[in-house]
Structures are given as structure tokens and as C-alpha cells.
Amino acid sequence: MVEVEEVDGGQSKTTTTTTKTTQQRKTQPTTKKKKSKPAPKKKKTTKDKNPASSGDLKAPMPGKILDIKTAEGAQVKAGDVLIILEAMKMENDITAPKAGVVEKINVTEGENVEADDVLVKME
């Protein structure tokens, strides 16, 4: 239903118009469709030639390394802050995922990193 108000030289007149919309549906005979198998999942590819091991500490997001709080050969406990990463104007503490020894630090202060870059290798 549509209402239209016409204004003509100080007089107004309201007209109501009703329109109907018709839809035509084509009916087709129902047939059973075979269930298709889901497409195989693609494996993630890594930038590095050496895939990361379970003890590797990766960057959770792109950002800039503000501070490195550990050294190579240091004993760390799970939850110890190893690196401070600035991302989206916020400082993020990157912590050790497990207790162990810092084998190699792959970044330097001031360096920009991408998501999933290996920051620290741990034994």
C-alpha cells in the first residue's frame, strides 16, 4: 500500500494505492542428490625453509620488536616474558610457551616482524 499526498495551491489531497506482487514458482520434481565429499583442506605453507618446531616462539601478529627480555642460553620458565612486541600502538608481552633454554633469538630491537615469524627458538 502506498500513500501519496498531493499539494496543489494550498489544498492537499491524499491518495491511497494498493499494489499486489505476484510471484510465480516453478515446481520441479524432487530428486535425490548425492552427497558430495568436502574438498580436502590445504596445508599451510611456511615462509621459512626450516619449519618451526614445537618449542619455537612465533609472532602472533605483525609489529615492531620494542625490547628483548632474554638472552641466548638463558633458562626460562613457562610464562616468562621474552619479547615485547608493539602492534597497533599497544605493547604485547610475548611469553615462553614452556620451560626450557633459549637456543637462538632471531630478531633484534627495532625490527619489524610479520605474523608467524619465528622470534625465538627454544630447546
N, C-alpha and C. Protein backbone atom coordinates (compact mmCIF):
# COMPACT_ATOMS: atom_id res chain seq x y z
N MET A 1 0.85 -1.16 0.00
CA MET A 1 0.00 0.00 0.00
C MET A 1 0.90 1.23 0.00
N VAL A 2 0.57 2.17 -0.86
CA VAL A 2 1.35 3.39 -1.00
C VAL A 2 0.42 4.56 -0.81
N GLU A 3 0.82 5.50 0.03
CA GLU A 3 0.03 6.71 0.22
C GLU A 3 0.78 7.86 -0.42
N VAL A 4 0.09 8.65 -1.22
CA VAL A 4 0.68 9.78 -1.91
C VAL A 4 -0.10 11.02 -1.51
N GLU A 5 0.61 12.06 -1.12
CA GLU A 5 -0.05 13.31 -0.74
C GLU A 5 0.28 14.35 -1.81
N GLU A 6 -0.74 14.90 -2.42
CA GLU A 6 -0.54 15.90 -3.45
C GLU A 6 -0.89 17.26 -2.86
N VAL A 7 -0.04 18.22 -3.09
CA VAL A 7 -0.28 19.58 -2.61
C VAL A 7 -0.48 20.45 -3.84
N ASP A 8 -1.65 21.12 -3.89
CA ASP A 8 -1.97 21.90 -5.07
C ASP A 8 -2.55 23.24 -4.64
N GLY A 9 -1.73 24.29 -4.65
CA GLY A 9 -2.21 25.64 -4.34
C GLY A 9 -2.86 25.77 -2.98
N GLY A 10 -2.30 25.19 -1.94
CA GLY A 10 -2.83 25.32 -0.60
C GLY A 10 -3.78 24.20 -0.21
N GLN A 11 -4.23 23.39 -1.15
CA GLN A 11 -5.10 22.28 -0.84
C GLN A 11 -4.27 20.99 -0.93
N SER A 12 -4.55 20.07 -0.04
CA SER A 12 -3.82 18.81 -0.11
C SER A 12 -4.81 17.67 -0.27
N LYS A 13 -4.38 16.64 -0.97
CA LYS A 13 -5.25 15.51 -1.24
C LYS A 13 -4.41 14.24 -1.07
N THR A 14 -4.92 13.28 -0.29
CA THR A 14 -4.19 12.03 -0.05
C THR A 14 -4.83 10.93 -0.87
N THR A 15 -3.99 10.25 -1.62
CA THR A 15 -4.47 9.14 -2.45
C THR A 15 -3.79 7.87 -1.97
N THR A 16 -4.56 6.82 -1.79
CA THR A 16 -4.01 5.53 -1.37
C THR A 16 -4.10 4.56 -2.53
N THR A 17 -2.97 3.94 -2.83
CA THR A 17 -2.91 2.97 -3.93
C THR A 17 -2.43 1.64 -3.38
N THR A 18 -3.08 0.58 -3.75
CA THR A 18 -2.68 -0.75 -3.32
C THR A 18 -2.17 -1.51 -4.53
N THR A 19 -0.98 -2.09 -4.38
CA THR A 19 -0.43 -2.90 -5.46
C THR A 19 -0.20 -4.31 -4.95
N LYS A 20 -0.35 -5.25 -5.81
CA LYS A 20 -0.13 -6.64 -5.45
C LYS A 20 1.04 -7.15 -6.27
N THR A 21 1.88 -7.90 -5.61
CA THR A 21 3.01 -8.51 -6.28
C THR A 21 2.75 -10.00 -6.35
N THR A 22 2.88 -10.53 -7.52
CA THR A 22 2.69 -11.97 -7.65
C THR A 22 4.02 -12.61 -8.00
N GLN A 23 4.22 -13.75 -7.42
CA GLN A 23 5.42 -14.50 -7.71
C GLN A 23 5.00 -15.82 -8.32
N GLN A 24 5.69 -16.20 -9.36
CA GLN A 24 5.42 -17.49 -9.96
C GLN A 24 6.57 -18.41 -9.59
N ARG A 25 6.20 -19.55 -9.12
CA ARG A 25 7.21 -20.53 -8.75
C ARG A 25 7.09 -21.71 -9.70
N LYS A 26 8.24 -22.11 -10.15
CA LYS A 26 8.26 -23.30 -10.99
C LYS A 26 8.56 -24.47 -10.09
N THR A 27 7.74 -25.46 -10.20
CA THR A 27 7.99 -26.65 -9.38
C THR A 27 8.67 -27.68 -10.24
N GLN A 28 9.71 -28.25 -9.70
CA GLN A 28 10.44 -29.28 -10.39
C GLN A 28 10.35 -30.54 -9.57
N PRO A 29 10.39 -31.67 -10.24
CA PRO A 29 10.34 -32.91 -9.47
C PRO A 29 11.58 -33.01 -8.58
N THR A 30 11.37 -33.51 -7.37
CA THR A 30 12.49 -33.63 -6.44
C THR A 30 13.27 -34.90 -6.76
N THR A 31 14.57 -34.75 -6.77
CA THR A 31 15.45 -35.90 -7.00
C THR A 31 16.46 -35.93 -5.88
N LYS A 32 16.88 -37.11 -5.55
CA LYS A 32 17.88 -37.24 -4.51
C LYS A 32 19.24 -36.89 -5.09
N LYS A 33 19.93 -36.02 -4.37
CA LYS A 33 21.27 -35.64 -4.80
C LYS A 33 22.29 -36.44 -4.01
N LYS A 34 23.36 -36.79 -4.68
CA LYS A 34 24.43 -37.50 -3.98
C LYS A 34 25.15 -36.51 -3.09
N LYS A 35 25.48 -36.96 -1.91
CA LYS A 35 26.24 -36.11 -1.00
C LYS A 35 27.66 -36.02 -1.52
N SER A 36 28.12 -34.80 -1.67
CA SER A 36 29.49 -34.63 -2.16
C SER A 36 30.45 -34.58 -0.97
N LYS A 37 31.63 -35.06 -1.20
CA LYS A 37 32.65 -35.06 -0.15
C LYS A 37 33.22 -33.65 -0.06
N PRO A 38 33.54 -33.21 1.16
CA PRO A 38 34.14 -31.88 1.29
C PRO A 38 35.51 -31.86 0.65
N ALA A 39 35.88 -30.70 0.15
CA ALA A 39 37.18 -30.56 -0.50
C ALA A 39 38.28 -30.78 0.52
N PRO A 40 39.39 -31.38 0.11
CA PRO A 40 40.48 -31.60 1.06
C PRO A 40 41.05 -30.26 1.53
N LYS A 41 41.43 -30.23 2.80
CA LYS A 41 41.97 -29.00 3.36
C LYS A 41 43.39 -28.79 2.86
N LYS A 42 43.70 -27.54 2.57
CA LYS A 42 45.04 -27.21 2.11
C LYS A 42 45.97 -27.08 3.30
N LYS A 43 47.17 -27.55 3.11
CA LYS A 43 48.15 -27.44 4.18
C LYS A 43 48.73 -26.04 4.17
N LYS A 44 49.02 -25.53 5.36
CA LYS A 44 49.63 -24.21 5.47
C LYS A 44 51.07 -24.28 4.98
N THR A 45 51.45 -23.27 4.27
CA THR A 45 52.84 -23.21 3.82
C THR A 45 53.58 -22.21 4.69
N THR A 46 54.85 -22.48 4.91
CA THR A 46 55.65 -21.58 5.72
C THR A 46 56.62 -20.83 4.84
N LYS A 47 56.98 -19.64 5.26
CA LYS A 47 57.94 -18.84 4.51
C LYS A 47 59.34 -19.43 4.64
N ASP A 48 59.64 -19.93 5.83
CA ASP A 48 60.97 -20.45 6.08
C ASP A 48 61.13 -21.83 5.47
N LYS A 49 62.36 -22.12 5.07
CA LYS A 49 62.64 -23.45 4.55
C LYS A 49 62.65 -24.46 5.69
N ASN A 50 63.03 -24.02 6.88
CA ASN A 50 63.04 -24.89 8.05
C ASN A 50 61.74 -24.68 8.81
N PRO A 51 60.87 -25.68 8.84
CA PRO A 51 59.61 -25.49 9.57
C PRO A 51 59.87 -25.32 11.06
N ALA A 52 59.01 -24.60 11.70
CA ALA A 52 59.15 -24.32 13.13
C ALA A 52 58.89 -25.58 13.94
N SER A 53 59.68 -25.76 14.98
CA SER A 53 59.45 -26.89 15.87
C SER A 53 58.49 -26.44 16.96
N SER A 54 58.08 -27.37 17.81
CA SER A 54 57.08 -27.05 18.83
C SER A 54 57.58 -26.05 19.86
N GLY A 55 58.91 -25.93 20.03
CA GLY A 55 59.45 -25.00 21.01
C GLY A 55 59.69 -23.61 20.47
N ASP A 56 59.38 -23.39 19.21
CA ASP A 56 59.61 -22.08 18.61
C ASP A 56 58.54 -21.10 19.04
N LEU A 57 58.97 -19.88 19.28
CA LEU A 57 58.06 -18.82 19.69
C LEU A 57 57.81 -17.93 18.48
N LYS A 58 56.57 -17.86 18.02
CA LYS A 58 56.22 -17.12 16.81
C LYS A 58 55.52 -15.81 17.17
N ALA A 59 55.62 -14.85 16.24
CA ALA A 59 54.92 -13.58 16.40
C ALA A 59 53.43 -13.82 16.17
N PRO A 60 52.58 -13.41 17.10
CA PRO A 60 51.14 -13.63 16.94
C PRO A 60 50.50 -12.67 15.94
N MET A 61 51.20 -11.55 15.63
CA MET A 61 50.67 -10.54 14.72
C MET A 61 51.84 -9.71 14.20
N PRO A 62 51.65 -8.97 13.12
CA PRO A 62 52.73 -8.11 12.65
C PRO A 62 52.98 -6.98 13.64
N GLY A 63 54.23 -6.56 13.74
CA GLY A 63 54.55 -5.48 14.66
C GLY A 63 56.03 -5.17 14.68
N LYS A 64 56.45 -4.42 15.70
CA LYS A 64 57.83 -3.98 15.85
C LYS A 64 58.36 -4.48 17.19
N ILE A 65 59.57 -5.02 17.19
CA ILE A 65 60.19 -5.51 18.42
C ILE A 65 60.67 -4.30 19.23
N LEU A 66 60.10 -4.10 20.41
CA LEU A 66 60.50 -2.98 21.26
C LEU A 66 61.64 -3.36 22.20
N ASP A 67 61.57 -4.58 22.77
CA ASP A 67 62.57 -4.97 23.76
C ASP A 67 62.70 -6.48 23.78
N ILE A 68 63.93 -6.94 24.00
CA ILE A 68 64.20 -8.37 24.16
C ILE A 68 64.60 -8.57 25.61
N LYS A 69 63.82 -9.35 26.34
CA LYS A 69 63.99 -9.51 27.78
C LYS A 69 64.80 -10.76 28.17
N THR A 70 65.40 -11.45 27.21
CA THR A 70 66.15 -12.67 27.49
C THR A 70 67.42 -12.69 26.65
N ALA A 71 68.21 -13.71 26.85
CA ALA A 71 69.45 -13.87 26.09
C ALA A 71 69.57 -15.32 25.65
N GLU A 72 70.38 -15.57 24.63
CA GLU A 72 70.60 -16.94 24.18
C GLU A 72 71.28 -17.73 25.30
N GLY A 73 70.82 -18.94 25.54
CA GLY A 73 71.36 -19.80 26.59
C GLY A 73 70.67 -19.63 27.93
N ALA A 74 69.75 -18.71 28.04
CA ALA A 74 69.07 -18.44 29.31
C ALA A 74 68.02 -19.52 29.60
N GLN A 75 67.92 -19.90 30.88
CA GLN A 75 66.87 -20.82 31.33
C GLN A 75 65.60 -19.98 31.57
N VAL A 76 64.49 -20.42 31.00
CA VAL A 76 63.23 -19.69 31.20
C VAL A 76 62.15 -20.65 31.66
N LYS A 77 61.17 -20.09 32.36
CA LYS A 77 60.01 -20.86 32.82
C LYS A 77 58.83 -20.53 31.92
N ALA A 78 57.86 -21.39 31.88
CA ALA A 78 56.64 -21.12 31.11
C ALA A 78 56.00 -19.84 31.64
N GLY A 79 55.68 -18.93 30.73
CA GLY A 79 55.05 -17.67 31.11
C GLY A 79 56.01 -16.51 31.28
N ASP A 80 57.33 -16.76 31.28
CA ASP A 80 58.30 -15.67 31.38
C ASP A 80 58.21 -14.79 30.14
N VAL A 81 58.29 -13.46 30.33
CA VAL A 81 58.26 -12.53 29.19
C VAL A 81 59.62 -12.58 28.51
N LEU A 82 59.60 -12.89 27.21
CA LEU A 82 60.84 -12.96 26.45
C LEU A 82 61.02 -11.75 25.54
N ILE A 83 59.93 -11.27 24.96
CA ILE A 83 60.00 -10.17 23.99
C ILE A 83 58.79 -9.27 24.19
N ILE A 84 58.99 -7.98 23.94
CA ILE A 84 57.87 -7.04 23.93
C ILE A 84 57.68 -6.59 22.48
N LEU A 85 56.48 -6.83 21.97
CA LEU A 85 56.13 -6.54 20.59
C LEU A 85 55.10 -5.42 20.56
N GLU A 86 55.40 -4.38 19.79
CA GLU A 86 54.43 -3.29 19.62
C GLU A 86 53.61 -3.56 18.37
N ALA A 87 52.31 -3.61 18.55
CA ALA A 87 51.39 -3.82 17.43
C ALA A 87 50.16 -2.97 17.65
N MET A 88 49.76 -2.22 16.66
CA MET A 88 48.59 -1.34 16.73
C MET A 88 48.69 -0.39 17.93
N LYS A 89 49.86 0.15 18.14
CA LYS A 89 50.15 1.13 19.21
C LYS A 89 49.95 0.56 20.61
N MET A 90 50.06 -0.76 20.74
CA MET A 90 49.96 -1.40 22.05
C MET A 90 51.17 -2.29 22.25
N GLU A 91 51.63 -2.38 23.48
CA GLU A 91 52.74 -3.26 23.80
C GLU A 91 52.20 -4.62 24.22
N ASN A 92 52.72 -5.67 23.58
CA ASN A 92 52.28 -7.03 23.85
C ASN A 92 53.44 -7.84 24.40
N ASP A 93 53.24 -8.48 25.54
CA ASP A 93 54.26 -9.35 26.11
C ASP A 93 54.21 -10.69 25.40
N ILE A 94 55.33 -11.11 24.83
CA ILE A 94 55.43 -12.42 24.20
C ILE A 94 56.13 -13.32 25.22
N THR A 95 55.40 -14.32 25.69
CA THR A 95 55.89 -15.16 26.79
C THR A 95 56.33 -16.54 26.32
N ALA A 96 57.15 -17.18 27.13
CA ALA A 96 57.62 -18.53 26.83
C ALA A 96 56.45 -19.51 26.92
N PRO A 97 56.26 -20.34 25.90
CA PRO A 97 55.15 -21.29 25.94
C PRO A 97 55.40 -22.45 26.89
N LYS A 98 56.67 -22.72 27.19
CA LYS A 98 57.02 -23.82 28.09
C LYS A 98 58.37 -23.51 28.72
N ALA A 99 58.72 -24.25 29.74
CA ALA A 99 60.03 -24.10 30.37
C ALA A 99 61.09 -24.68 29.44
N GLY A 100 62.26 -24.06 29.43
CA GLY A 100 63.33 -24.56 28.58
C GLY A 100 64.49 -23.60 28.52
N VAL A 101 65.32 -23.78 27.51
CA VAL A 101 66.51 -22.96 27.30
C VAL A 101 66.35 -22.21 25.98
N VAL A 102 66.66 -20.92 25.98
CA VAL A 102 66.61 -20.12 24.76
C VAL A 102 67.80 -20.54 23.89
N GLU A 103 67.52 -21.15 22.76
CA GLU A 103 68.56 -21.63 21.86
C GLU A 103 69.06 -20.51 20.95
N LYS A 104 68.12 -19.77 20.33
CA LYS A 104 68.51 -18.71 19.40
C LYS A 104 67.43 -17.64 19.39
N ILE A 105 67.87 -16.38 19.33
CA ILE A 105 66.96 -15.24 19.19
C ILE A 105 67.10 -14.77 17.75
N ASN A 106 66.02 -14.79 16.99
CA ASN A 106 66.04 -14.48 15.56
C ASN A 106 65.73 -13.03 15.22
N VAL A 107 65.51 -12.18 16.21
CA VAL A 107 65.14 -10.79 15.95
C VAL A 107 66.03 -9.84 16.74
N THR A 108 65.98 -8.57 16.37
CA THR A 108 66.71 -7.52 17.09
C THR A 108 65.73 -6.41 17.46
N GLU A 109 66.11 -5.60 18.43
CA GLU A 109 65.25 -4.48 18.82
C GLU A 109 65.08 -3.53 17.64
N GLY A 110 63.85 -3.06 17.44
CA GLY A 110 63.54 -2.13 16.36
C GLY A 110 63.16 -2.82 15.06
N GLU A 111 63.30 -4.12 15.00
CA GLU A 111 62.98 -4.86 13.77
C GLU A 111 61.48 -5.04 13.62
N ASN A 112 61.00 -4.93 12.40
CA ASN A 112 59.59 -5.20 12.09
C ASN A 112 59.44 -6.67 11.75
N VAL A 113 58.40 -7.29 12.26
CA VAL A 113 58.14 -8.71 12.02
C VAL A 113 56.72 -8.89 11.48
N GLU A 114 56.52 -10.01 10.80
CA GLU A 114 55.20 -10.37 10.29
C GLU A 114 54.60 -11.45 11.20
N ALA A 115 53.33 -11.68 11.07
CA ALA A 115 52.67 -12.73 11.83
C ALA A 115 53.29 -14.08 11.48
N ASP A 116 53.49 -14.92 12.47
CA ASP A 116 54.05 -16.27 12.34
C ASP A 116 55.55 -16.30 12.07
N ASP A 117 56.23 -15.17 12.12
CA ASP A 117 57.70 -15.18 12.05
C ASP A 117 58.23 -15.81 13.35
N VAL A 118 59.25 -16.65 13.23
CA VAL A 118 59.83 -17.27 14.42
C VAL A 118 60.74 -16.25 15.10
N LEU A 119 60.38 -15.89 16.33
CA LEU A 119 61.13 -14.88 17.08
C LEU A 119 62.26 -15.54 17.88
N VAL A 120 61.94 -16.63 18.56
CA VAL A 120 62.89 -17.29 19.45
C VAL A 120 62.78 -18.81 19.25
N LYS A 121 63.93 -19.47 19.15
CA LYS A 121 63.96 -20.93 19.13
C LYS A 121 64.31 -21.40 20.52
N MET A 122 63.56 -22.39 21.02
CA MET A 122 63.79 -22.92 22.36
C MET A 122 64.05 -24.41 22.30
N GLU A 123 64.84 -24.89 23.27
CA GLU A 123 65.11 -26.33 23.37
C GLU A 123 64.11 -26.97 24.29
